[in-house]
Protein backbone atom coordinates (compact mmCIF):
# COMPACT_ATOMS: atom_id res chain seq x y z
CA MET A 1 47.66 81.58 57.44
CA THR A 2 49.63 79.15 58.71
CA ALA A 3 49.81 80.15 62.23
CA ALA A 4 47.88 78.32 65.01
CA CYS A 5 47.38 81.10 67.47
CA SER A 6 46.76 84.84 65.94
CA PRO A 7 46.56 87.41 68.57
CA GLY A 8 43.56 87.23 70.38
CA VAL A 9 42.17 84.55 68.26
CA ASP A 10 42.88 80.84 68.59
CA THR A 11 42.92 78.76 65.14
CA GLY A 12 44.35 75.65 66.11
CA PHE A 13 41.69 73.79 64.51
CA VAL A 14 43.31 74.41 60.71
CA SER A 15 46.15 72.35 61.98
CA LEU A 16 44.11 69.50 62.74
CA GLY A 17 43.03 69.06 58.96
CA TYR A 18 39.82 67.72 57.42
CA ALA A 19 39.22 64.22 59.02
CA LYS A 20 39.86 65.50 62.48
CA VAL A 21 37.83 68.38 62.43
CA ALA A 22 34.91 66.29 60.80
CA TRP A 23 35.00 63.89 63.71
CA LEU A 24 35.14 67.17 66.33
CA GLY A 25 32.32 68.69 63.93
CA LEU A 26 30.08 65.56 65.03
CA VAL A 27 31.02 65.62 68.65
CA GLN A 28 30.41 69.50 68.71
CA GLY A 29 26.91 69.30 67.05
CA ILE A 30 25.60 66.51 69.31
CA THR A 31 26.97 68.15 72.74
CA GLU A 32 26.11 71.81 71.51
CA LEU A 33 22.47 71.04 72.16
CA LEU A 34 22.72 68.67 74.76
CA PRO A 35 23.20 69.79 78.23
CA ILE A 36 26.60 68.18 78.76
CA SER A 37 28.72 71.36 77.40
CA SER A 38 30.14 70.94 73.99
CA THR A 39 33.19 73.67 75.05
CA ALA A 40 34.02 70.74 77.63
CA HIS A 41 34.10 67.91 74.74
CA MET A 42 35.82 70.27 72.50
CA ARG A 43 38.83 70.15 75.02
CA VAL A 44 38.46 66.65 76.58
CA VAL A 45 37.96 64.68 73.23
CA PRO A 46 41.21 66.34 71.78
CA ALA A 47 42.90 65.59 74.89
CA LEU A 48 42.37 62.02 75.01
CA LEU A 49 43.21 61.52 71.33
CA GLY A 50 46.40 63.73 71.92
CA TRP A 51 45.16 66.14 69.26
CA ARG A 52 45.62 69.81 69.97
CA ASP A 53 43.06 72.20 70.96
CA PRO A 54 41.09 73.46 68.38
CA GLY A 55 40.23 76.73 70.21
CA ALA A 56 37.43 78.89 71.47
CA ALA A 57 36.90 80.42 68.01
CA PHE A 58 36.47 76.98 66.46
CA SER A 59 33.90 76.08 69.26
CA ALA A 60 31.94 79.28 68.89
CA ALA A 61 31.71 79.46 65.23
CA MET A 62 30.56 75.92 65.56
CA GLN A 63 27.62 77.28 67.09
CA LEU A 64 26.23 78.64 63.77
CA ALA A 65 25.56 74.41 63.36
CA ALA A 66 23.26 74.53 66.55
CA LEU A 67 21.36 77.60 65.03
CA VAL A 68 20.83 76.09 62.08
CA ALA A 69 18.95 72.86 63.89
CA VAL A 70 17.48 74.74 66.16
CA VAL A 71 15.64 77.05 63.65
CA SER A 72 14.84 73.78 61.59
CA TYR A 73 13.43 72.00 64.60
CA PHE A 74 11.31 75.03 66.08
CA TRP A 75 10.58 76.67 62.36
CA ARG A 76 6.88 77.14 63.87
CA ASP A 77 7.75 78.89 66.72
CA VAL A 78 10.16 80.99 64.94
CA ALA A 79 8.25 81.76 61.87
CA ARG A 80 5.13 82.51 64.14
CA LEU A 81 7.36 84.85 66.36
CA ALA A 82 8.95 86.74 63.30
CA GLY A 83 5.90 87.24 61.44
CA GLY A 84 3.65 88.31 64.49
CA SER A 85 5.84 90.44 65.81
CA VAL A 86 6.56 92.43 62.61
CA SER A 87 2.65 92.62 62.31
CA ALA A 88 2.05 94.03 65.39
CA ILE A 89 4.61 96.54 65.09
CA ALA A 90 3.02 97.83 62.20
CA GLU A 91 -0.42 97.56 63.53
CA ARG A 92 0.75 99.09 66.75
CA ARG A 93 -0.52 96.01 69.06
CA PHE A 94 2.19 96.52 71.67
CA ASP A 95 0.52 94.02 73.96
CA ASP A 96 0.34 91.45 71.18
CA ALA A 97 1.83 87.68 72.55
CA ASP A 98 4.27 87.34 69.89
CA LEU A 99 5.84 90.58 70.06
CA ARG A 100 5.85 90.31 74.23
CA MET A 101 7.86 86.94 73.97
CA THR A 102 9.83 88.05 70.98
CA LEU A 103 10.87 91.11 73.57
CA ARG A 104 11.39 88.55 76.38
CA ILE A 105 13.80 86.65 73.86
CA GLY A 106 15.76 89.94 73.44
CA LEU A 107 15.98 90.69 76.76
CA ALA A 108 17.35 87.43 77.68
CA THR A 109 20.01 87.71 75.07
CA LEU A 110 21.56 90.99 76.82
CA PRO A 111 23.74 89.61 79.55
CA ILE A 112 25.30 87.02 77.75
CA VAL A 113 26.17 89.89 75.38
CA LEU A 114 27.39 92.24 77.95
CA ALA A 115 29.65 89.34 79.55
CA GLY A 116 30.80 87.86 76.41
CA THR A 117 31.95 91.40 75.20
CA ALA A 118 33.68 92.12 78.70
CA LEU A 119 35.58 88.47 78.66
CA SER A 120 36.17 88.10 74.74
CA SER A 121 39.90 88.89 74.95
CA ILE A 122 40.01 85.93 77.76
CA LEU A 123 37.80 83.62 76.19
CA ASN A 124 39.45 84.05 72.58
CA GLN A 125 43.21 84.16 73.58
CA CYS A 126 45.21 80.97 73.06
CA ALA A 127 45.72 78.75 76.05
CA SER A 128 42.77 80.75 77.49
CA PRO A 129 42.90 79.83 81.32
CA LEU A 130 39.31 79.28 81.40
CA ARG A 131 39.35 76.29 78.81
CA SER A 132 42.06 74.42 81.46
CA LEU A 133 40.80 70.82 82.21
CA THR A 134 40.58 71.76 85.99
CA VAL A 135 38.35 74.10 85.32
CA ILE A 136 36.13 72.02 82.89
CA GLY A 137 35.92 69.51 85.47
CA TRP A 138 34.63 71.09 88.53
CA ALA A 139 32.04 73.11 86.13
CA CYS A 140 30.71 69.62 84.95
CA VAL A 141 30.55 68.80 88.30
CA GLY A 142 28.99 71.75 89.75
CA MET A 143 26.34 72.16 86.94
CA ALA A 144 25.62 68.14 87.92
CA LEU A 145 24.76 69.27 91.16
CA LEU A 146 22.35 71.97 90.32
CA MET A 147 20.42 70.19 87.75
CA ALA A 148 19.89 67.39 90.23
CA LEU A 149 18.77 69.67 92.61
CA THR A 150 16.44 71.20 90.24
CA GLU A 151 14.82 67.59 89.36
CA ILE A 152 14.47 67.38 92.94
CA THR A 153 12.86 70.64 93.57
CA ALA A 154 11.13 71.63 90.63
CA ARG A 155 7.27 71.10 89.80
CA HIS A 156 7.36 71.13 86.17
CA ARG A 157 4.03 72.45 85.40
CA ARG A 158 4.36 75.75 83.50
CA ALA A 159 4.22 75.92 79.81
CA VAL A 160 6.46 78.77 77.65
CA GLU A 161 3.12 80.96 76.90
CA SER A 162 2.89 81.64 80.57
CA SER A 163 6.48 82.93 80.86
CA SER A 164 7.20 86.59 81.78
CA LEU A 165 10.16 89.28 81.48
CA ALA A 166 11.52 88.19 84.98
CA ASP A 167 11.38 84.74 83.83
CA ALA A 168 13.31 85.41 80.66
CA LEU A 169 15.68 87.89 82.40
CA LEU A 170 16.42 84.97 85.08
CA VAL A 171 16.98 82.34 82.48
CA GLY A 172 19.39 85.11 80.50
CA ILE A 173 21.33 85.40 83.43
CA ALA A 174 21.96 82.07 83.69
CA GLN A 175 22.93 82.20 80.20
CA VAL A 176 25.93 83.95 80.93
CA GLY A 177 27.58 80.76 82.92
CA ALA A 178 27.54 78.89 79.46
CA LEU A 179 30.70 81.46 78.80
CA ILE A 180 32.92 78.98 81.12
CA PRO A 181 33.45 75.81 79.23
CA GLY A 182 31.99 72.83 81.05
CA VAL A 183 28.84 74.69 82.73
CA SER A 184 26.77 74.33 79.21
CA ARG A 185 24.69 77.13 77.36
CA SER A 186 21.95 74.31 77.26
CA GLY A 187 22.62 72.95 80.51
CA SER A 188 22.56 76.50 82.34
CA THR A 189 19.30 77.53 80.70
CA LEU A 190 17.47 74.20 80.98
CA THR A 191 18.38 74.14 84.62
CA ALA A 192 16.94 77.93 85.24
CA ALA A 193 14.03 76.99 83.17
CA LEU A 194 13.26 73.80 85.24
CA ALA A 195 14.11 75.71 88.51
CA LEU A 196 10.99 78.33 87.32
CA GLY A 197 8.73 75.30 87.15
CA PHE A 198 8.53 74.99 83.70
CA ARG A 199 7.59 71.59 82.29
CA ARG A 200 10.91 69.39 81.06
CA GLU A 201 9.92 69.91 77.31
CA GLU A 202 8.54 73.32 77.90
CA ALA A 203 11.65 74.22 79.40
CA ALA A 204 13.83 72.92 76.50
CA ARG A 205 11.85 74.66 74.21
CA PHE A 206 12.12 77.81 76.20
CA SER A 207 15.67 77.59 76.65
CA PHE A 208 16.22 77.06 72.83
CA LEU A 209 14.02 79.60 71.71
CA LEU A 210 15.74 82.38 74.49
CA GLY A 211 19.21 80.98 72.97
CA ILE A 212 18.66 81.76 69.03
CA PRO A 213 20.06 85.29 69.21
CA ALA A 214 22.77 84.54 71.67
CA ILE A 215 24.17 81.35 69.51
CA ALA A 216 23.60 83.16 66.24
CA LEU A 217 25.53 86.28 67.66
CA ALA A 218 28.51 84.47 68.83
CA GLY A 219 28.73 82.13 65.79
CA LEU A 220 28.87 85.54 63.26
CA LYS A 221 31.27 87.28 65.80
CA GLU A 222 33.77 84.61 65.53
CA LEU A 223 33.35 84.27 61.58
CA TRP A 224 34.32 87.77 61.72
CA GLU A 225 37.13 87.40 63.97
CA LEU A 226 38.47 84.61 61.63
CA HIS A 227 37.97 86.81 58.50
CA ARG A 228 39.78 89.75 60.35
CA VAL A 229 42.80 87.73 61.52
CA GLY A 230 42.96 86.53 57.79
CA LEU A 231 42.15 82.75 57.79
CA ASP A 232 42.60 81.57 54.31
CA MET A 233 40.75 79.27 52.00
CA HIS A 234 42.03 76.12 53.37
CA GLY A 235 40.85 77.18 57.08
CA TRP A 236 37.48 78.47 55.65
CA SER A 237 37.12 74.87 54.00
CA ILE A 238 38.10 72.83 56.94
CA LEU A 239 35.74 75.13 59.02
CA ALA A 240 32.97 74.63 56.18
CA LEU A 241 33.40 70.66 56.70
CA GLY A 242 32.94 70.85 60.64
CA LEU A 243 29.77 73.07 60.01
CA ILE A 244 28.10 70.56 57.90
CA THR A 245 28.92 67.79 59.85
CA ALA A 246 28.24 69.50 63.13
CA SER A 247 24.77 70.65 61.67
CA ILE A 248 23.37 67.32 60.81
CA SER A 249 24.26 66.12 64.48
CA ALA A 250 22.95 68.69 66.00
CA PHE A 251 19.49 68.19 64.54
CA VAL A 252 19.82 64.79 65.55
CA ALA A 253 20.96 65.83 69.27
CA ILE A 254 18.03 67.89 69.81
CA TRP A 255 15.07 65.55 68.70
CA ALA A 256 16.73 63.11 71.21
CA LEU A 257 16.87 65.78 73.82
CA MET A 258 13.26 66.50 73.18
CA ARG A 259 12.23 62.63 73.43
CA ILE A 260 14.21 61.93 76.61
CA LEU A 261 12.72 65.03 78.54
CA GLU A 262 9.22 64.20 77.15
CA ARG A 263 9.37 60.31 78.46
CA PHE A 264 12.07 60.62 81.10
CA SER A 265 13.93 63.45 82.97
CA ALA A 266 17.15 65.14 82.97
CA TRP A 267 18.85 62.54 85.57
CA PRO A 268 20.28 60.65 82.49
CA PHE A 269 22.43 64.24 81.80
CA VAL A 270 23.18 64.69 85.49
CA VAL A 271 25.07 61.29 85.80
CA TYR A 272 26.64 61.85 82.57
CA ARG A 273 28.01 65.13 83.54
CA GLY A 274 29.01 64.27 87.62
CA ALA A 275 30.89 61.03 86.19
CA LEU A 276 32.81 63.03 83.19
CA GLY A 277 33.64 66.22 85.56
CA LEU A 278 34.60 63.54 88.56
CA LEU A 279 36.51 61.59 85.90
CA LEU A 280 38.81 64.47 84.80
CA LEU A 281 39.55 65.51 88.31
CA VAL A 282 40.83 62.22 89.10
CA MET A 283 42.82 61.85 85.84
CA ILE A 284 44.49 65.17 86.68
CA ALA A 285 45.36 64.58 89.82
CA ARG A 286 46.73 61.59 89.07
CA GLY A 287 48.78 63.10 86.08
CA SER A 288 47.08 60.93 83.27
CA LEU A 289 45.76 63.98 81.78
CA ALA A 290 47.86 66.91 81.01
């Protein structure tokens, strides 16, 4: 398939080639799990370098790299929840803590599944209005302000084990904001968890565990869409290279995020997001960035 855009699916990443996609994979992996918006960087970096937009399908498919990193880093939590839930169901222990946490994760996934399905035609279309640099700039600034407010007012006392169905639902609703480029799934869920009083490192852990189904569904859905529109072997090999480089950088990113939150705070990300958003808006206003 040589077209850069098929009906409903933007496959522009194919025209970028191996080297550029490998570079974008590194950027995607780092920014996917840090609260600074990978989708924003997938629009901003190519724009600054004079490359075409790789498309929403590329960004969504690259989330599978983040899934590998999250499951690897939190393997003990994932294995315990999966094994404990299966055992609890088999033994009809419906008050089991692991089963209840798994149900909370499932509940938190529903809002973004429903919203993503409703908006899929807009999100994946070529030159989607939601991927405009202006939208991204304002989203970065808005999330920077919300994160700053949360850092100032939150108490940072709770652990994941104290979470409730209401907590999961609220974080799940916040996760819907990730559909808007510039908001960031990690940023929106981390901010919501901090606002609910979780300790910074526990908020990140809660955010990542709740995000596993959403990340997996988004990535697998885009792989299916790319298969459906007939992506050829050349395109799949380019995508595979991006996934490999993104998986490596994503694991490094999640390790770095946990260290930063354990020892410092979310302020470095607040400053970065705010500066990025303002820079984009100024450059757009001056006409130096299309």
